[in-house]
Amino acid sequence: MVNIFGSLMLALWLFLGMNRSRQNFFEASIFIIIMMGVDCIMQHAWPDVNNVWLVGWIMQWIYVFIAMWLFDIVCLSNVSAVIYSIMAGVAYYYLQLNIPALVEHLLK
């Protein structure tokens, strides 16, 4: 459920932020902090903070930062903004699903 909420939130954040000046570093950081909080609330537990957890959230932050940065470059019309937002949201969903396996493979 957190994965679906996160991908929907990213897609809306990108689309609703169209045609405004954006601070990508700051907004990506705020987005990831919000997602960490939502993840803790939905799981009703504090996270097990270790290397896998840290690298996983750093990889998600990098993805969100790049998605926000490319949004300003790629999206010149409303149609391209909708398509890009949906694609970025779906890709973020699959990233969240596969992040534990990716990080485990990366750290071995």
N, C-alpha and C. Protein backbone atom coordinates (compact mmCIF):
# COMPACT_ATOMS: atom_id res chain seq x y z
N MET A 1 0.82 -1.20 0.00
CA MET A 1 0.00 0.00 0.00
C MET A 1 0.86 1.26 0.00
N VAL A 2 2.00 1.20 0.70
CA VAL A 2 2.90 2.35 0.72
C VAL A 2 3.45 2.60 -0.67
N ASN A 3 3.71 1.52 -1.41
CA ASN A 3 4.26 1.66 -2.76
C ASN A 3 3.30 2.40 -3.68
N ILE A 4 2.03 2.04 -3.61
CA ILE A 4 1.02 2.69 -4.46
C ILE A 4 0.87 4.16 -4.07
N PHE A 5 0.81 4.43 -2.76
CA PHE A 5 0.67 5.80 -2.29
C PHE A 5 1.87 6.65 -2.71
N GLY A 6 3.07 6.09 -2.59
CA GLY A 6 4.28 6.82 -2.97
C GLY A 6 4.33 7.15 -4.45
N SER A 7 3.96 6.18 -5.27
CA SER A 7 4.00 6.43 -6.71
C SER A 7 2.94 7.44 -7.13
N LEU A 8 1.76 7.35 -6.53
CA LEU A 8 0.71 8.33 -6.82
C LEU A 8 1.11 9.72 -6.36
N MET A 9 1.71 9.80 -5.20
CA MET A 9 2.15 11.09 -4.66
C MET A 9 3.24 11.71 -5.53
N LEU A 10 4.17 10.89 -6.02
CA LEU A 10 5.22 11.41 -6.90
C LEU A 10 4.64 11.92 -8.21
N ALA A 11 3.72 11.15 -8.79
CA ALA A 11 3.11 11.57 -10.05
C ALA A 11 2.35 12.89 -9.87
N LEU A 12 1.59 13.00 -8.81
CA LEU A 12 0.86 14.25 -8.56
C LEU A 12 1.80 15.41 -8.26
N TRP A 13 2.85 15.15 -7.50
CA TRP A 13 3.83 16.19 -7.16
C TRP A 13 4.46 16.73 -8.44
N LEU A 14 4.82 15.83 -9.35
CA LEU A 14 5.42 16.28 -10.60
C LEU A 14 4.43 17.08 -11.44
N PHE A 15 3.24 16.54 -11.64
CA PHE A 15 2.28 17.21 -12.51
C PHE A 15 1.82 18.54 -11.95
N LEU A 16 1.54 18.60 -10.66
CA LEU A 16 1.05 19.85 -10.07
C LEU A 16 2.15 20.90 -9.94
N GLY A 17 3.40 20.48 -10.04
CA GLY A 17 4.51 21.41 -9.98
C GLY A 17 4.94 21.95 -11.33
N MET A 18 4.13 21.69 -12.35
CA MET A 18 4.49 22.15 -13.69
C MET A 18 4.40 23.67 -13.77
N ASN A 19 5.28 24.25 -14.57
CA ASN A 19 5.31 25.69 -14.83
C ASN A 19 5.55 26.53 -13.58
N ARG A 20 6.39 26.05 -12.72
CA ARG A 20 6.81 26.86 -11.58
C ARG A 20 8.29 26.59 -11.33
N SER A 21 8.94 27.54 -10.70
CA SER A 21 10.35 27.33 -10.38
C SER A 21 10.44 26.27 -9.30
N ARG A 22 11.41 25.42 -9.44
CA ARG A 22 11.52 24.26 -8.56
C ARG A 22 12.94 24.18 -8.02
N GLN A 23 13.05 23.78 -6.76
CA GLN A 23 14.34 23.49 -6.16
C GLN A 23 14.41 21.97 -6.00
N ASN A 24 14.99 21.31 -6.98
CA ASN A 24 14.95 19.86 -7.06
C ASN A 24 15.56 19.17 -5.85
N PHE A 25 16.70 19.63 -5.39
CA PHE A 25 17.35 19.01 -4.24
C PHE A 25 16.46 19.07 -3.01
N PHE A 26 15.92 20.24 -2.74
CA PHE A 26 15.08 20.45 -1.57
C PHE A 26 13.78 19.65 -1.67
N GLU A 27 13.14 19.69 -2.84
CA GLU A 27 11.87 19.00 -2.99
C GLU A 27 12.03 17.48 -2.96
N ALA A 28 13.11 16.96 -3.53
CA ALA A 28 13.36 15.52 -3.46
C ALA A 28 13.61 15.10 -2.01
N SER A 29 14.31 15.92 -1.26
CA SER A 29 14.57 15.61 0.15
C SER A 29 13.27 15.62 0.96
N ILE A 30 12.43 16.61 0.74
CA ILE A 30 11.15 16.69 1.45
C ILE A 30 10.27 15.51 1.08
N PHE A 31 10.24 15.14 -0.19
CA PHE A 31 9.43 14.01 -0.64
C PHE A 31 9.87 12.72 0.06
N ILE A 32 11.17 12.48 0.12
CA ILE A 32 11.67 11.25 0.75
C ILE A 32 11.41 11.26 2.25
N ILE A 33 11.53 12.39 2.90
CA ILE A 33 11.24 12.47 4.34
C ILE A 33 9.76 12.17 4.59
N ILE A 34 8.88 12.71 3.76
CA ILE A 34 7.45 12.42 3.88
C ILE A 34 7.19 10.94 3.67
N MET A 35 7.84 10.35 2.67
CA MET A 35 7.64 8.92 2.40
C MET A 35 8.16 8.05 3.55
N MET A 36 9.25 8.45 4.19
CA MET A 36 9.74 7.72 5.36
C MET A 36 8.71 7.76 6.48
N GLY A 37 8.12 8.93 6.71
CA GLY A 37 7.10 9.06 7.73
C GLY A 37 5.86 8.24 7.42
N VAL A 38 5.41 8.29 6.18
CA VAL A 38 4.23 7.51 5.77
C VAL A 38 4.51 6.02 5.90
N ASP A 39 5.71 5.60 5.54
CA ASP A 39 6.09 4.19 5.66
C ASP A 39 6.05 3.74 7.12
N CYS A 40 6.56 4.56 8.02
CA CYS A 40 6.53 4.21 9.45
C CYS A 40 5.09 4.15 9.97
N ILE A 41 4.27 5.10 9.57
CA ILE A 41 2.89 5.14 10.03
C ILE A 41 2.11 3.94 9.52
N MET A 42 2.28 3.59 8.25
CA MET A 42 1.51 2.48 7.69
C MET A 42 1.99 1.12 8.21
N GLN A 43 3.25 1.01 8.57
CA GLN A 43 3.75 -0.26 9.11
C GLN A 43 3.61 -0.34 10.63
N HIS A 44 3.24 0.74 11.27
CA HIS A 44 3.07 0.79 12.73
C HIS A 44 4.33 0.36 13.47
N ALA A 45 5.49 0.72 12.93
CA ALA A 45 6.75 0.35 13.56
C ALA A 45 7.86 1.28 13.08
N TRP A 46 8.87 1.43 13.91
CA TRP A 46 10.04 2.17 13.51
C TRP A 46 10.86 1.31 12.56
N PRO A 47 11.55 1.90 11.62
CA PRO A 47 12.33 1.09 10.68
C PRO A 47 13.56 0.48 11.35
N ASP A 48 13.99 -0.64 10.81
CA ASP A 48 15.23 -1.27 11.25
C ASP A 48 16.36 -0.59 10.49
N VAL A 49 16.98 0.39 11.12
CA VAL A 49 17.99 1.21 10.45
C VAL A 49 19.29 0.42 10.36
N ASN A 50 19.66 0.11 9.13
CA ASN A 50 20.93 -0.57 8.85
C ASN A 50 21.40 -0.11 7.47
N ASN A 51 22.44 -0.75 6.96
CA ASN A 51 22.98 -0.33 5.66
C ASN A 51 21.99 -0.52 4.53
N VAL A 52 21.22 -1.60 4.56
CA VAL A 52 20.25 -1.87 3.50
C VAL A 52 19.17 -0.78 3.49
N TRP A 53 18.68 -0.41 4.65
CA TRP A 53 17.66 0.63 4.76
C TRP A 53 18.20 1.96 4.24
N LEU A 54 19.41 2.31 4.66
CA LEU A 54 20.00 3.59 4.27
C LEU A 54 20.27 3.67 2.77
N VAL A 55 20.88 2.65 2.21
CA VAL A 55 21.18 2.66 0.78
C VAL A 55 19.88 2.64 -0.04
N GLY A 56 18.87 1.93 0.45
CA GLY A 56 17.58 1.91 -0.24
C GLY A 56 16.95 3.28 -0.34
N TRP A 57 16.94 4.02 0.76
CA TRP A 57 16.35 5.36 0.73
C TRP A 57 17.21 6.33 -0.08
N ILE A 58 18.53 6.14 -0.06
CA ILE A 58 19.39 7.00 -0.88
C ILE A 58 19.13 6.75 -2.36
N MET A 59 18.95 5.48 -2.75
CA MET A 59 18.64 5.17 -4.14
C MET A 59 17.29 5.76 -4.55
N GLN A 60 16.31 5.72 -3.65
CA GLN A 60 15.01 6.32 -3.95
C GLN A 60 15.13 7.84 -4.08
N TRP A 61 15.95 8.46 -3.23
CA TRP A 61 16.13 9.90 -3.31
C TRP A 61 16.78 10.28 -4.64
N ILE A 62 17.76 9.51 -5.07
CA ILE A 62 18.42 9.79 -6.34
C ILE A 62 17.42 9.68 -7.48
N TYR A 63 16.57 8.66 -7.46
CA TYR A 63 15.56 8.51 -8.51
C TYR A 63 14.61 9.71 -8.52
N VAL A 64 14.12 10.11 -7.36
CA VAL A 64 13.18 11.24 -7.28
C VAL A 64 13.86 12.53 -7.75
N PHE A 65 15.10 12.73 -7.36
CA PHE A 65 15.83 13.92 -7.78
C PHE A 65 15.97 13.97 -9.30
N ILE A 66 16.36 12.85 -9.91
CA ILE A 66 16.52 12.81 -11.36
C ILE A 66 15.18 12.98 -12.05
N ALA A 67 14.12 12.37 -11.51
CA ALA A 67 12.79 12.51 -12.12
C ALA A 67 12.33 13.97 -12.09
N MET A 68 12.56 14.66 -10.98
CA MET A 68 12.16 16.07 -10.89
C MET A 68 13.01 16.95 -11.80
N TRP A 69 14.29 16.64 -11.88
CA TRP A 69 15.18 17.43 -12.72
C TRP A 69 14.83 17.25 -14.19
N LEU A 70 14.58 16.01 -14.62
CA LEU A 70 14.23 15.76 -16.02
C LEU A 70 12.84 16.29 -16.37
N PHE A 71 11.97 16.40 -15.40
CA PHE A 71 10.62 16.90 -15.66
C PHE A 71 10.66 18.28 -16.28
N ASP A 72 11.50 19.15 -15.75
CA ASP A 72 11.60 20.51 -16.28
C ASP A 72 12.18 20.54 -17.69
N ILE A 73 12.99 19.56 -18.02
CA ILE A 73 13.61 19.51 -19.34
C ILE A 73 12.69 18.89 -20.38
N VAL A 74 12.01 17.80 -20.01
CA VAL A 74 11.23 17.01 -20.96
C VAL A 74 9.83 17.58 -21.18
N CYS A 75 9.19 18.04 -20.15
CA CYS A 75 7.76 18.38 -20.21
C CYS A 75 7.57 19.83 -20.63
N LEU A 76 7.15 20.00 -21.86
CA LEU A 76 6.90 21.34 -22.39
C LEU A 76 5.42 21.62 -22.59
N SER A 77 4.59 20.59 -22.51
CA SER A 77 3.15 20.77 -22.66
C SER A 77 2.44 19.94 -21.61
N ASN A 78 1.13 20.14 -21.49
CA ASN A 78 0.36 19.40 -20.50
C ASN A 78 0.33 17.91 -20.81
N VAL A 79 0.25 17.56 -22.08
CA VAL A 79 0.20 16.15 -22.46
C VAL A 79 1.50 15.45 -22.09
N SER A 80 2.62 16.07 -22.41
CA SER A 80 3.90 15.45 -22.06
C SER A 80 4.09 15.40 -20.54
N ALA A 81 3.55 16.36 -19.81
CA ALA A 81 3.64 16.35 -18.35
C ALA A 81 2.83 15.20 -17.76
N VAL A 82 1.64 14.96 -18.30
CA VAL A 82 0.81 13.84 -17.81
C VAL A 82 1.49 12.51 -18.10
N ILE A 83 1.99 12.34 -19.32
CA ILE A 83 2.63 11.09 -19.69
C ILE A 83 3.89 10.86 -18.85
N TYR A 84 4.71 11.89 -18.69
CA TYR A 84 5.93 11.76 -17.90
C TYR A 84 5.62 11.47 -16.44
N SER A 85 4.62 12.14 -15.89
CA SER A 85 4.26 11.92 -14.49
C SER A 85 3.79 10.49 -14.26
N ILE A 86 2.99 9.97 -15.17
CA ILE A 86 2.52 8.59 -15.03
C ILE A 86 3.69 7.62 -15.15
N MET A 87 4.57 7.85 -16.12
CA MET A 87 5.72 6.96 -16.28
C MET A 87 6.65 7.01 -15.07
N ALA A 88 6.88 8.20 -14.53
CA ALA A 88 7.74 8.33 -13.36
C ALA A 88 7.11 7.66 -12.14
N GLY A 89 5.79 7.80 -11.99
CA GLY A 89 5.10 7.15 -10.88
C GLY A 89 5.15 5.64 -10.96
N VAL A 90 4.93 5.10 -12.14
CA VAL A 90 4.98 3.64 -12.32
C VAL A 90 6.39 3.12 -12.10
N ALA A 91 7.38 3.82 -12.61
CA ALA A 91 8.77 3.40 -12.41
C ALA A 91 9.15 3.46 -10.93
N TYR A 92 8.65 4.47 -10.20
CA TYR A 92 8.92 4.57 -8.77
C TYR A 92 8.25 3.43 -8.01
N TYR A 93 7.08 3.03 -8.45
CA TYR A 93 6.38 1.89 -7.84
C TYR A 93 7.23 0.62 -7.96
N TYR A 94 7.73 0.35 -9.16
CA TYR A 94 8.55 -0.84 -9.36
C TYR A 94 9.89 -0.73 -8.67
N LEU A 95 10.43 0.47 -8.56
CA LEU A 95 11.66 0.66 -7.80
C LEU A 95 11.44 0.32 -6.34
N GLN A 96 10.33 0.79 -5.77
CA GLN A 96 10.04 0.49 -4.37
C GLN A 96 9.83 -1.00 -4.14
N LEU A 97 9.21 -1.68 -5.09
CA LEU A 97 9.00 -3.12 -4.95
C LEU A 97 10.31 -3.89 -4.97
N ASN A 98 11.23 -3.47 -5.81
CA ASN A 98 12.47 -4.23 -6.01
C ASN A 98 13.67 -3.67 -5.28
N ILE A 99 13.51 -2.62 -4.50
CA ILE A 99 14.66 -1.99 -3.84
C ILE A 99 15.37 -2.92 -2.86
N PRO A 100 14.67 -3.76 -2.06
CA PRO A 100 15.41 -4.63 -1.15
C PRO A 100 16.35 -5.60 -1.89
N ALA A 101 15.88 -6.19 -2.97
CA ALA A 101 16.72 -7.12 -3.73
C ALA A 101 17.88 -6.39 -4.40
N LEU A 102 17.62 -5.20 -4.94
CA LEU A 102 18.69 -4.43 -5.58
C LEU A 102 19.77 -4.04 -4.58
N VAL A 103 19.37 -3.61 -3.41
CA VAL A 103 20.33 -3.18 -2.40
C VAL A 103 21.10 -4.38 -1.86
N GLU A 104 20.43 -5.49 -1.61
CA GLU A 104 21.13 -6.70 -1.15
C GLU A 104 22.18 -7.12 -2.17
N HIS A 105 21.82 -7.08 -3.45
CA HIS A 105 22.78 -7.45 -4.50
C HIS A 105 23.91 -6.45 -4.57
N LEU A 106 23.61 -5.17 -4.39
CA LEU A 106 24.62 -4.12 -4.45
C LEU A 106 25.61 -4.22 -3.29
N LEU A 107 25.12 -4.54 -2.10
CA LEU A 107 25.98 -4.58 -0.91
C LEU A 107 26.78 -5.88 -0.77
N LYS A 108 26.46 -6.90 -1.55
CA LYS A 108 27.22 -8.16 -1.44
C LYS A 108 28.51 -8.12 -2.19
